[in-house]
Amino acid sequence: MRLPHRTPPDASQLGLAETEPPLADRNARVLALCQGLFTCAIAIDLTLTALTGYQLAPNKALATLPFALITVAGAVVTWFAAFLIQRRGRRFGFVLGALAGTAGGAISVWSVFHGQFWFFCLGTTGVGVFQAFAQYYRLAAADAVAPAFKSRAVSTVLTGGVIAAVLGPALAAWSKDLFPSALFAGAYLMVALLGLASVLVLLLCYRDHAPDTHANNAAEAAALAAVPRSTGEIVRQPVFLAALANNVVGSMVMMFLMTAAPLAAVGCHYSINDGANIIQWHLVGMYAPSFFAARLIKRYGLGAIALSGAALNLACVVISMASSSLPGFYVALLCLGVGWNFMFVAGTSLLAQSYRPAERARTQGLSEFLRYAATAVATLVAGPLLDRYGWSALNVAMLPLLLVATLLSLYWMRSMAPAVPVRA
């Protein structure tokens, strides 16, 4: 299947190589490893932070504050991280983020040993900063290659999440009792070590590579010299709207249902371990498709994969409403994970095509901030909405969001129609 495509110019028009640059391919693999290390670290923090906060909080009403600070810090810093990365380079920004995660983990260890709640909040804030910078791993890989290879680069980076799906929960369970005198301190030591490992990998293996900063011919020089467009002009592009819809809606629906699913499973009289296993299969669904998503995009096009992701999310909703059996939960959350992956890879690839070099930080920062804000809202309200309206009603509420993503994807596909068809 071939999709019409009009913008951006193809690789030959920009003077870019028709094959993926070796350094870009190597950097994508390095970032995949860093993605795995980061996701393991954040999985530990997200799994245990609420429990640790309850243990340390002077007032139990504050127990979820450290957990909330991870998301809040990530949302606030993600905008500034985009401009810092553009000004000082990706390697500098990524190392700084990993150092923040290392420091956050170390502060959390000290806080648990000494029973210091407010210092523990500082530690989780550091992990939120780590999260903000790590969100740009996939975009760094996409920016380093020609349009034909962006989906492959994004998928390569996201394969690192498979490590976390397998090792993250096991590492949290094993390390939380590492120090008998301080429950959970060992887990936060793992967070610090994973952050430090990321620092070392980035310093030793990652090299800044941005072909968009080196004009090789007149066409590319003209693209670089073009006057940056206003934010409003960028946002009104069909390609940006489709990218934003797939990234934001895909992540928001995923966070809504993933956050509520373990609670819904327990409410249906399944065990806490059943709820944990459901989420583990969901994580596999989120990241394992990255091994083949790029091939599917190459064959069927970005639009088809984005719509397939929305369809899989719809399947999750239908299955969740039709059955409250344990296999129903497993299949629904697996569909949710795969659907998120397809929408996220397609959305990121579209986002990387929506800006010129001088507009990169502004466009990426805006998109990531909106995505973070939406997922933060989903995380905060999923529990109360589940408690008030129930699991089926929560799933029904996802339908308008999926409709918006589908319509904006079709709008972008239609905007490409008059041009000469080329493979996406």
Protein backbone atom coordinates (compact mmCIF):
# COMPACT_ATOMS: atom_id res chain seq x y z
CA MET A 1 0.00 0.00 0.00
CA ARG A 2 1.34 3.41 -0.93
CA LEU A 3 0.36 6.70 0.67
CA PRO A 4 0.57 10.09 -1.06
CA HIS A 5 3.23 12.28 0.40
CA ARG A 6 3.98 15.94 -0.23
CA THR A 7 6.09 17.28 2.63
CA PRO A 8 8.82 17.23 3.73
CA PRO A 9 11.16 16.92 0.70
CA ASP A 10 12.65 13.50 0.17
CA ALA A 11 16.25 12.61 0.87
CA SER A 12 17.49 13.37 -2.64
CA GLN A 13 15.95 16.84 -2.57
CA LEU A 14 17.78 17.69 0.63
CA GLY A 15 21.04 16.19 -0.49
CA LEU A 16 20.87 13.52 2.22
CA ALA A 17 22.22 10.04 1.71
CA GLU A 18 19.76 7.37 0.53
CA THR A 19 21.17 5.02 3.16
CA GLU A 20 21.10 5.52 6.90
CA PRO A 21 24.39 7.15 8.11
CA PRO A 22 26.55 4.69 10.14
CA LEU A 23 26.95 7.12 13.05
CA ALA A 24 23.20 7.70 13.20
CA ASP A 25 22.57 3.94 13.30
CA ARG A 26 25.13 3.51 16.07
CA ASN A 27 23.68 6.40 18.07
CA ALA A 28 20.18 4.89 17.77
CA ARG A 29 21.46 1.64 19.27
CA VAL A 30 23.21 3.50 22.07
CA LEU A 31 20.03 5.42 22.81
CA ALA A 32 18.06 2.15 22.80
CA LEU A 33 20.33 0.91 25.59
CA CYS A 34 19.90 4.20 27.45
CA GLN A 35 16.12 3.94 26.96
CA GLY A 36 16.22 0.51 28.60
CA LEU A 37 18.29 1.75 31.55
CA PHE A 38 16.04 4.76 32.04
CA THR A 39 12.82 2.75 31.81
CA CYS A 40 14.13 0.24 34.37
CA ALA A 41 14.96 3.11 36.73
CA ILE A 42 11.62 4.85 36.33
CA ALA A 43 9.74 1.56 36.68
CA ILE A 44 11.36 1.00 40.08
CA ASP A 45 10.56 4.53 41.19
CA LEU A 46 6.97 4.41 40.00
CA THR A 47 6.39 1.00 41.57
CA LEU A 48 7.64 1.85 45.06
CA THR A 49 7.44 5.64 45.47
CA ALA A 50 3.86 5.75 46.76
CA LEU A 51 4.67 3.09 49.38
CA THR A 52 7.89 4.82 50.39
CA GLY A 53 6.10 8.16 50.61
CA TYR A 54 3.50 6.63 52.92
CA GLN A 55 6.29 5.21 55.08
CA LEU A 56 8.13 8.54 55.39
CA ALA A 57 5.38 11.18 55.29
CA PRO A 58 4.84 13.12 58.53
CA ASN A 59 1.23 13.53 57.41
CA LYS A 60 -0.16 10.53 55.49
CA ALA A 61 -2.15 12.91 53.29
CA LEU A 62 1.22 13.84 51.73
CA ALA A 63 2.09 10.23 50.88
CA THR A 64 1.56 10.62 47.11
CA LEU A 65 3.45 13.93 46.83
CA PRO A 66 6.83 12.32 45.94
CA PHE A 67 5.09 10.28 43.23
CA ALA A 68 3.39 13.39 41.83
CA LEU A 69 6.70 15.31 41.78
CA ILE A 70 8.14 12.86 39.25
CA THR A 71 5.43 13.82 36.76
CA VAL A 72 5.39 17.52 37.69
CA ALA A 73 9.17 17.88 37.41
CA GLY A 74 9.13 16.07 34.07
CA ALA A 75 6.37 18.30 32.69
CA VAL A 76 8.10 21.52 33.79
CA VAL A 77 11.61 20.58 32.68
CA THR A 78 10.70 19.03 29.31
CA TRP A 79 10.15 22.47 27.70
CA PHE A 80 13.51 23.85 28.92
CA ALA A 81 15.28 20.59 28.08
CA ALA A 82 14.45 21.04 24.38
CA PHE A 83 16.19 24.43 24.24
CA LEU A 84 19.16 23.27 26.33
CA ILE A 85 19.67 20.30 24.02
CA GLN A 86 19.57 22.56 20.95
CA ARG A 87 22.00 25.04 22.48
CA ARG A 88 24.53 22.70 24.15
CA GLY A 89 24.06 19.50 22.18
CA ARG A 90 22.20 16.26 22.74
CA ARG A 91 25.07 14.49 24.48
CA PHE A 92 25.39 17.28 27.05
CA GLY A 93 21.65 17.33 27.72
CA PHE A 94 21.30 13.56 27.99
CA VAL A 95 24.28 13.26 30.34
CA LEU A 96 22.89 16.08 32.48
CA GLY A 97 19.53 14.31 32.68
CA ALA A 98 21.13 10.99 33.62
CA LEU A 99 23.21 12.73 36.29
CA ALA A 100 20.01 14.20 37.72
CA GLY A 101 18.56 10.67 37.88
CA THR A 102 21.72 9.39 39.57
CA ALA A 103 21.61 12.18 42.14
CA GLY A 104 17.87 11.64 42.65
CA GLY A 105 18.37 7.96 43.35
CA ALA A 106 21.25 8.65 45.77
CA ILE A 107 19.25 11.30 47.64
CA SER A 108 16.34 8.85 47.89
CA VAL A 109 18.62 6.20 49.42
CA TRP A 110 19.89 8.68 52.04
CA SER A 111 16.35 9.85 52.73
CA VAL A 112 15.05 6.33 53.35
CA PHE A 113 17.93 5.53 55.70
CA HIS A 114 17.36 8.75 57.69
CA GLY A 115 13.57 8.95 57.44
CA GLN A 116 13.63 12.33 55.68
CA PHE A 117 10.43 12.86 53.72
CA TRP A 118 11.23 16.24 52.18
CA PHE A 119 14.65 15.12 50.98
CA PHE A 120 12.92 12.09 49.47
CA CYS A 121 10.70 14.53 47.54
CA LEU A 122 13.89 16.18 46.26
CA GLY A 123 15.16 12.79 45.14
CA THR A 124 12.02 11.95 43.16
CA THR A 125 12.16 15.41 41.57
CA GLY A 126 15.63 14.49 40.26
CA VAL A 127 14.18 11.35 38.71
CA GLY A 128 11.51 13.52 37.05
CA VAL A 129 14.28 15.63 35.49
CA PHE A 130 15.89 12.42 34.21
CA GLN A 131 12.55 11.48 32.67
CA ALA A 132 12.20 14.86 30.93
CA PHE A 133 15.55 14.54 29.13
CA ALA A 134 15.08 10.83 28.33
CA GLN A 135 11.89 11.63 26.38
CA TYR A 136 14.14 13.19 23.70
CA TYR A 137 16.11 10.00 23.01
CA ARG A 138 13.70 8.91 20.26
CA LEU A 139 13.56 12.40 18.72
CA ALA A 140 17.37 12.65 18.69
CA ALA A 141 17.52 9.40 16.72
CA ALA A 142 14.84 10.60 14.29
CA ASP A 143 16.51 13.99 13.72
CA ALA A 144 19.80 12.35 12.70
CA VAL A 145 18.44 10.55 9.64
CA ALA A 146 16.61 11.28 6.39
CA PRO A 147 12.77 11.10 6.38
CA ALA A 148 12.75 7.55 4.98
CA PHE A 149 14.57 6.25 8.08
CA LYS A 150 12.88 8.21 10.87
CA SER A 151 10.39 5.48 11.80
CA ARG A 152 13.15 2.89 11.92
CA ALA A 153 15.27 5.12 14.19
CA VAL A 154 12.34 5.73 16.57
CA SER A 155 11.52 2.02 16.71
CA THR A 156 15.15 1.13 17.40
CA VAL A 157 15.24 3.41 20.43
CA LEU A 158 11.93 2.11 21.79
CA THR A 159 13.14 -1.51 21.66
CA GLY A 160 15.15 -0.62 24.74
CA GLY A 161 11.90 -0.60 26.68
CA VAL A 162 11.66 -4.39 26.27
CA ILE A 163 14.51 -4.63 28.79
CA ALA A 164 12.41 -2.78 31.34
CA ALA A 165 9.31 -4.89 30.65
CA VAL A 166 11.27 -8.02 31.57
CA LEU A 167 13.77 -6.80 34.17
CA GLY A 168 12.11 -3.75 35.77
CA PRO A 169 9.53 -5.48 37.99
CA ALA A 170 11.97 -8.26 38.94
CA LEU A 171 14.69 -5.75 39.83
CA ALA A 172 12.30 -3.76 42.03
CA ALA A 173 11.16 -6.89 43.87
CA TRP A 174 14.72 -8.15 44.39
CA SER A 175 16.35 -4.88 45.48
CA LYS A 176 13.71 -3.48 47.86
CA ASP A 177 14.93 -5.75 50.71
CA LEU A 178 18.63 -5.31 49.95
CA PHE A 179 19.13 -3.39 53.23
CA PRO A 180 17.06 -5.05 56.01
CA SER A 181 17.32 -1.97 58.23
CA ALA A 182 15.89 0.35 55.54
CA LEU A 183 13.05 -1.06 53.46
CA PHE A 184 13.12 0.16 49.82
CA ALA A 185 16.58 1.79 50.14
CA GLY A 186 18.11 -0.92 47.96
CA ALA A 187 15.63 -0.23 45.18
CA TYR A 188 16.62 3.45 45.06
CA LEU A 189 20.28 2.42 45.01
CA MET A 190 19.40 0.55 41.80
CA VAL A 191 17.87 3.76 40.42
CA ALA A 192 21.13 5.62 41.14
CA LEU A 193 23.24 2.87 39.55
CA LEU A 194 21.06 2.72 36.45
CA GLY A 195 21.37 6.50 36.07
CA LEU A 196 25.14 6.24 36.47
CA ALA A 197 25.27 3.47 33.86
CA SER A 198 23.42 5.78 31.47
CA VAL A 199 25.99 8.52 32.09
CA LEU A 200 28.85 6.16 31.30
CA VAL A 201 27.20 4.78 28.15
CA LEU A 202 26.50 8.28 26.85
CA LEU A 203 30.01 9.56 27.57
CA LEU A 204 31.75 6.53 26.09
CA CYS A 205 29.53 5.65 23.14
CA TYR A 206 27.25 8.51 22.07
CA ARG A 207 28.39 11.22 19.67
CA ASP A 208 26.38 14.27 18.65
CA HIS A 209 25.37 13.94 15.04
CA ALA A 210 23.03 16.43 13.40
CA PRO A 211 23.14 16.47 9.61
CA ASP A 212 20.74 19.39 9.73
CA THR A 213 23.55 21.60 11.05
CA HIS A 214 25.90 20.99 8.11
CA ALA A 215 24.80 22.32 4.74
CA ASN A 216 26.22 20.03 2.05
CA ASN A 217 24.65 21.68 -0.97
CA ALA A 218 22.57 24.63 -2.06
CA ALA A 219 19.20 22.97 -1.36
CA GLU A 220 20.11 22.07 2.21
CA ALA A 221 21.71 25.47 2.79
CA ALA A 222 18.49 27.12 1.67
CA ALA A 223 16.48 24.97 4.11
CA LEU A 224 18.77 25.99 6.94
CA ALA A 225 18.62 29.67 6.01
CA ALA A 226 14.82 29.75 5.82
CA VAL A 227 13.13 32.15 8.23
CA PRO A 228 11.60 30.21 11.16
CA ARG A 229 7.82 30.10 11.09
CA SER A 230 5.62 31.25 13.94
CA THR A 231 4.39 28.68 16.45
CA GLY A 232 0.84 29.15 15.19
CA GLU A 233 1.91 28.42 11.62
CA ILE A 234 3.69 25.24 12.71
CA VAL A 235 0.77 24.07 14.83
CA ARG A 236 -1.74 24.53 12.00
CA GLN A 237 0.07 22.07 9.73
CA PRO A 238 -1.88 18.83 9.17
CA VAL A 239 1.31 16.84 9.79
CA PHE A 240 1.82 18.47 13.21
CA LEU A 241 -1.84 18.01 14.18
CA ALA A 242 -1.67 14.32 13.25
CA ALA A 243 1.60 13.93 15.16
CA LEU A 244 0.21 15.65 18.25
CA ALA A 245 -3.03 13.65 18.13
CA ASN A 246 -1.24 10.30 17.93
CA ASN A 247 1.34 11.16 20.60
CA VAL A 248 -1.03 12.83 23.06
CA VAL A 249 -4.16 10.72 22.59
CA GLY A 250 -2.20 7.45 22.40
CA SER A 251 -0.34 8.27 25.63
CA MET A 252 -3.41 9.66 27.41
CA VAL A 253 -5.62 6.64 26.64
CA MET A 254 -2.79 4.31 27.62
CA MET A 255 -2.19 6.05 30.95
CA PHE A 256 -5.92 6.23 31.78
CA LEU A 257 -6.49 2.51 31.28
CA MET A 258 -3.09 1.27 32.47
CA THR A 259 -3.41 3.20 35.75
CA ALA A 260 -6.94 1.98 36.38
CA ALA A 261 -6.58 -1.64 35.17
CA PRO A 262 -4.89 -3.13 38.29
CA LEU A 263 -7.48 -1.45 40.51
CA ALA A 264 -10.29 -2.72 38.29
CA ALA A 265 -8.82 -6.24 38.37
CA VAL A 266 -8.66 -6.21 42.17
CA GLY A 267 -12.23 -4.87 42.21
CA CYS A 268 -13.23 -7.95 40.19
CA HIS A 269 -11.75 -10.12 43.00
CA TYR A 270 -8.48 -10.97 41.30
CA SER A 271 -5.24 -10.84 43.29
CA ILE A 272 -2.69 -8.03 43.43
CA ASN A 273 -0.23 -10.37 41.68
CA ASP A 274 -2.76 -10.80 38.86
CA GLY A 275 -2.89 -7.02 38.51
CA ALA A 276 0.92 -6.83 38.38
CA ASN A 277 1.08 -9.58 35.73
CA ILE A 278 -1.51 -7.76 33.61
CA ILE A 279 0.70 -4.65 33.64
CA GLN A 280 3.79 -6.68 32.81
CA TRP A 281 2.10 -8.07 29.68
CA HIS A 282 0.97 -4.55 28.88
CA LEU A 283 4.60 -3.37 29.03
CA VAL A 284 5.62 -6.14 26.65
CA GLY A 285 2.87 -4.97 24.30
CA MET A 286 4.15 -1.38 24.55
CA TYR A 287 7.74 -2.08 23.54
CA ALA A 288 8.06 -5.45 21.78
CA PRO A 289 6.35 -4.20 18.55
CA SER A 290 9.27 -1.80 18.11
CA PHE A 291 11.18 -4.75 16.63
CA PHE A 292 8.88 -4.77 13.59
CA ALA A 293 6.90 -1.48 13.61
CA ALA A 294 9.35 0.24 11.25
CA ARG A 295 9.01 -2.56 8.69
CA LEU A 296 5.23 -2.27 8.84
CA ILE A 297 5.45 1.50 8.33
CA LYS A 298 7.80 1.03 5.37
CA ARG A 299 5.36 -1.41 3.77
CA TYR A 300 1.99 0.14 4.60
CA GLY A 301 2.77 3.78 5.42
CA LEU A 302 2.57 5.99 8.51
CA GLY A 303 -1.13 6.69 8.12
CA ALA A 304 -2.10 3.02 8.05
CA ILE A 305 -0.05 2.22 11.17
CA ALA A 306 -1.42 5.23 13.07
CA LEU A 307 -4.98 4.14 12.25
CA SER A 308 -4.13 0.56 13.22
CA GLY A 309 -2.92 1.82 16.59
CA ALA A 310 -6.21 3.62 17.16
CA ALA A 311 -8.09 0.46 16.11
CA LEU A 312 -6.14 -1.63 18.63
CA ASN A 313 -6.98 0.88 21.35
CA LEU A 314 -10.62 0.59 20.30
CA ALA A 315 -10.31 -3.21 20.56
CA CYS A 316 -9.02 -2.76 24.12
CA VAL A 317 -12.09 -0.67 24.97
CA VAL A 318 -14.52 -3.17 23.41
CA ILE A 319 -12.91 -6.19 25.11
CA SER A 320 -12.83 -4.41 28.49
CA MET A 321 -16.52 -3.58 28.21
CA ALA A 322 -17.50 -7.07 27.01
CA SER A 323 -15.62 -9.15 29.58
CA SER A 324 -14.32 -8.76 33.13
CA SER A 325 -12.59 -12.16 33.06
CA LEU A 326 -8.87 -12.40 33.77
CA PRO A 327 -8.04 -13.42 30.15
CA GLY A 328 -10.13 -10.40 29.07
CA PHE A 329 -7.89 -8.08 31.10
CA TYR A 330 -4.75 -9.67 29.65
CA VAL A 331 -5.89 -9.39 26.02
CA ALA A 332 -7.28 -5.86 26.46
CA LEU A 333 -4.10 -4.50 28.06
CA LEU A 334 -1.92 -6.26 25.47
CA CYS A 335 -3.96 -4.58 22.69
CA LEU A 336 -3.60 -1.28 24.54
CA GLY A 337 0.19 -1.63 24.65
CA VAL A 338 0.57 -2.52 20.96
CA GLY A 339 -1.86 0.24 19.98
CA TRP A 340 0.15 2.79 21.96
CA ASN A 341 3.36 1.66 20.27
CA PHE A 342 1.93 2.04 16.76
CA MET A 343 0.46 5.48 17.52
CA PHE A 344 3.62 6.64 19.31
CA VAL A 345 6.07 5.53 16.61
CA ALA A 346 3.86 7.01 13.86
CA GLY A 347 3.28 10.23 15.84
CA THR A 348 6.98 10.70 16.58
CA SER A 349 7.89 10.11 12.92
CA LEU A 350 5.32 12.70 11.84
CA LEU A 351 6.52 15.17 14.48
CA ALA A 352 10.09 14.89 13.18
CA GLN A 353 8.79 15.92 9.73
CA SER A 354 6.84 18.95 10.95
CA TYR A 355 9.66 21.41 11.70
CA ARG A 356 12.68 23.01 10.11
CA PRO A 357 16.07 22.85 11.87
CA ALA A 358 15.68 26.29 13.49
CA GLU A 359 12.20 25.34 14.76
CA ARG A 360 13.18 22.04 16.32
CA ALA A 361 13.46 22.99 20.01
CA ARG A 362 10.27 25.06 20.01
CA THR A 363 8.21 22.40 18.23
CA GLN A 364 9.55 19.44 20.17
CA GLY A 365 9.24 21.28 23.48
CA LEU A 366 5.61 22.24 22.82
CA SER A 367 4.64 18.73 21.71
CA GLU A 368 6.34 17.00 24.65
CA PHE A 369 4.93 19.47 27.17
CA LEU A 370 1.38 18.90 25.91
CA ARG A 371 1.89 15.14 25.97
CA TYR A 372 3.26 15.26 29.50
CA ALA A 373 0.45 17.50 30.72
CA ALA A 374 -2.19 15.20 29.22
CA THR A 375 -0.69 12.04 30.70
CA ALA A 376 -0.30 13.75 34.08
CA VAL A 377 -4.01 14.58 34.06
CA ALA A 378 -4.81 10.99 33.05
CA THR A 379 -2.71 9.59 35.89
CA LEU A 380 -4.26 11.87 38.50
CA VAL A 381 -7.92 11.41 37.58
CA ALA A 382 -8.02 7.74 36.49
CA GLY A 383 -8.38 6.44 40.05
CA PRO A 384 -11.15 8.82 41.16
CA LEU A 385 -13.09 8.32 37.90
CA LEU A 386 -12.79 4.55 38.22
CA ASP A 387 -14.03 4.71 41.80
CA ARG A 388 -17.00 6.89 40.88
CA TYR A 389 -18.14 5.56 37.49
CA GLY A 390 -16.61 2.09 37.12
CA TRP A 391 -14.32 0.30 34.66
CA SER A 392 -16.79 0.13 31.73
CA ALA A 393 -17.63 3.83 31.90
CA LEU A 394 -13.94 4.74 31.99
CA ASN A 395 -13.40 2.76 28.78
CA VAL A 396 -16.37 4.45 27.08
CA ALA A 397 -14.83 7.85 27.92
CA MET A 398 -11.83 6.94 25.73
CA LEU A 399 -13.93 6.73 22.55
CA PRO A 400 -14.09 10.51 21.82
CA LEU A 401 -10.31 10.78 22.24
CA LEU A 402 -9.71 7.94 19.79
CA LEU A 403 -12.15 9.54 17.36
CA VAL A 404 -10.19 12.82 17.46
CA ALA A 405 -6.91 11.01 16.76
CA THR A 406 -8.47 9.09 13.88
CA LEU A 407 -9.99 12.19 12.26
CA LEU A 408 -6.76 14.19 12.49
CA SER A 409 -4.76 11.29 11.02
CA LEU A 410 -7.24 11.11 8.12
CA TYR A 411 -7.01 14.91 7.73
CA TRP A 412 -3.24 14.66 7.32
CA MET A 413 -3.56 11.74 4.90
CA ARG A 414 -6.06 13.70 2.83
CA SER A 415 -3.76 16.76 2.78
CA MET A 416 -1.12 14.59 1.11
CA ALA A 417 -3.50 13.26 -1.56
CA PRO A 418 -2.86 15.72 -4.44
CA ALA A 419 0.87 15.00 -4.53
CA VAL A 420 2.67 12.27 -6.45
CA PRO A 421 2.48 9.05 -4.39
CA VAL A 422 5.72 7.90 -2.81
CA ARG A 423 6.39 5.24 -0.23
CA ALA A 424 5.99 6.66 3.31
